[in-house]
Amino acid sequence: VYAPKLEKAREAAQLAERESRIQDFFNSMVEEDPSRTVDAPGVGQTHPQSLKSTPSVSELQQTLGAADTSSTDFAGGLHLGWIGTKHTLEAAFNHGELYALSLKNNDNAHGVNVFKSSAQWQPF
């Protein structure tokens, strides 16, 4: 009886820690452009965002662990996804360089796409 409860507690702690890593990573990679203001549906006025840096695939996997999903697009870009309890993070790479992050709320499927340039930022 004790072993299953201990295992469930351990799994819950691992999931909570993964969710925390996803949010911490996203927050550490994204910066707002305070010089511009845009209207975002469902959010109101906000500042567009861009990536602070562009880590490699291996650096991202070292930070977040193994990806839950992996796919390639028609141009050969690699898309890796990490699924947490509340959010899903997708990282898009072109020639091994991060060019976009998407953070989606698992409850309502709303989120934000953040690119290298704030001119391409978009909420969804």
Protein backbone atom coordinates (compact mmCIF):
# COMPACT_ATOMS: atom_id res chain seq x y z
CA VAL A 1 0.00 0.00 0.00
CA TYR A 2 2.81 2.42 0.84
CA ALA A 3 4.84 1.87 -2.37
CA PRO A 4 2.10 3.05 -4.81
CA LYS A 5 1.48 6.18 -2.71
CA LEU A 6 5.19 6.93 -2.62
CA GLU A 7 5.45 6.44 -6.38
CA LYS A 8 2.46 8.74 -7.02
CA ALA A 9 3.99 11.41 -4.81
CA ARG A 10 7.31 11.09 -6.63
CA GLU A 11 5.60 11.36 -10.04
CA ALA A 12 3.61 14.41 -8.92
CA ALA A 13 6.80 16.09 -7.72
CA GLN A 14 8.52 15.34 -11.05
CA LEU A 15 5.59 16.80 -13.01
CA ALA A 16 5.54 19.93 -10.85
CA GLU A 17 9.29 20.34 -11.31
CA ARG A 18 8.95 19.93 -15.10
CA GLU A 19 6.20 22.57 -15.20
CA SER A 20 8.44 24.90 -13.20
CA ARG A 21 11.38 24.31 -15.58
CA ILE A 22 9.16 25.08 -18.60
CA GLN A 23 7.91 28.36 -17.14
CA ASP A 24 11.32 29.40 -15.80
CA PHE A 25 12.98 28.68 -19.15
CA PHE A 26 10.35 30.60 -21.12
CA ASN A 27 10.57 33.58 -18.77
CA SER A 28 14.38 33.59 -18.95
CA MET A 29 14.38 33.51 -22.77
CA VAL A 30 11.79 36.19 -23.49
CA GLU A 31 12.06 39.96 -23.23
CA GLU A 32 9.44 42.62 -23.89
CA ASP A 33 9.92 45.54 -26.27
CA PRO A 34 8.82 48.47 -24.06
CA SER A 35 9.15 50.94 -26.94
CA ARG A 36 6.08 49.49 -28.70
CA THR A 37 2.52 48.72 -27.63
CA VAL A 38 0.16 46.41 -29.52
CA ASP A 39 -3.43 45.25 -29.10
CA ALA A 40 -3.70 41.53 -28.38
CA PRO A 41 -7.05 39.71 -28.57
CA GLY A 42 -8.23 38.72 -25.13
CA VAL A 43 -5.27 40.46 -23.48
CA GLY A 44 -5.68 44.13 -24.35
CA GLN A 45 -2.67 46.35 -24.83
CA THR A 46 0.68 44.71 -24.29
CA HIS A 47 4.29 44.93 -25.41
CA PRO A 48 5.54 42.59 -28.14
CA GLN A 49 8.18 40.09 -27.10
CA SER A 50 11.37 38.69 -28.64
CA LEU A 51 13.95 36.07 -27.76
CA LYS A 52 16.92 37.17 -25.64
CA SER A 53 19.19 34.46 -27.03
CA THR A 54 19.12 31.49 -29.39
CA PRO A 55 20.51 28.36 -27.70
CA SER A 56 21.24 25.19 -29.62
CA VAL A 57 19.13 22.03 -29.52
CA SER A 58 21.55 20.33 -27.12
CA GLU A 59 21.60 23.34 -24.76
CA LEU A 60 17.81 23.38 -24.65
CA GLN A 61 17.60 19.64 -24.00
CA GLN A 62 20.19 19.98 -21.25
CA THR A 63 18.03 22.62 -19.58
CA LEU A 64 14.59 21.02 -20.05
CA GLY A 65 15.40 17.34 -20.46
CA ALA A 66 14.29 15.11 -23.29
CA ALA A 67 11.49 16.47 -25.45
CA ASP A 68 8.04 14.85 -25.37
CA THR A 69 7.36 15.56 -29.05
CA SER A 70 9.55 15.98 -32.10
CA SER A 71 8.72 16.81 -35.71
CA THR A 72 10.21 18.45 -38.77
CA ASP A 73 8.53 20.91 -41.11
CA PHE A 74 8.62 21.06 -44.92
CA ALA A 75 11.74 23.27 -44.85
CA GLY A 76 13.67 20.89 -42.57
CA GLY A 77 13.10 22.89 -39.38
CA LEU A 78 13.06 20.90 -36.14
CA HIS A 79 10.19 21.38 -33.67
CA LEU A 80 10.57 20.00 -30.14
CA GLY A 81 7.83 20.05 -27.49
CA TRP A 82 7.81 19.76 -23.70
CA ILE A 83 4.46 19.07 -22.04
CA GLY A 84 3.91 20.19 -18.47
CA THR A 85 0.87 20.00 -16.23
CA LYS A 86 -0.37 23.50 -17.16
CA HIS A 87 1.69 24.55 -20.19
CA THR A 88 3.21 23.14 -23.36
CA LEU A 89 6.41 24.67 -24.71
CA GLU A 90 7.41 24.23 -28.34
CA ALA A 91 10.83 25.27 -29.61
CA ALA A 92 11.43 25.69 -33.34
CA PHE A 93 14.94 25.41 -34.78
CA ASN A 94 16.33 26.33 -38.16
CA HIS A 95 19.79 24.86 -38.94
CA GLY A 96 20.20 24.04 -35.22
CA GLU A 97 19.44 27.59 -34.04
CA LEU A 98 16.35 28.47 -31.99
CA TYR A 99 14.18 30.96 -33.86
CA ALA A 100 10.82 30.65 -32.09
CA LEU A 101 9.22 29.59 -28.81
CA SER A 102 5.52 28.90 -28.32
CA LEU A 103 4.02 28.65 -24.85
CA LYS A 104 0.46 27.29 -24.77
CA ASN A 105 -1.90 27.03 -21.81
CA ASN A 106 -3.12 23.41 -21.72
CA ASP A 107 -6.52 24.42 -20.27
CA ASN A 108 -7.70 26.83 -22.97
CA ALA A 109 -5.12 26.41 -25.80
CA HIS A 110 -4.27 30.13 -25.70
CA GLY A 111 -0.68 31.21 -25.71
CA VAL A 112 2.01 33.23 -27.40
CA ASN A 113 4.56 32.77 -30.17
CA VAL A 114 7.87 34.54 -29.55
CA PHE A 115 10.44 34.90 -32.32
CA LYS A 116 13.95 36.31 -32.62
CA SER A 117 12.40 39.61 -33.69
CA SER A 118 9.56 41.28 -31.78
CA ALA A 119 8.05 42.30 -35.15
CA GLN A 120 6.86 38.68 -35.56
CA TRP A 121 5.44 38.25 -32.02
CA GLN A 122 1.83 37.06 -31.89
CA PRO A 123 -0.62 35.89 -29.22
CA PHE A 124 -3.04 33.05 -29.98
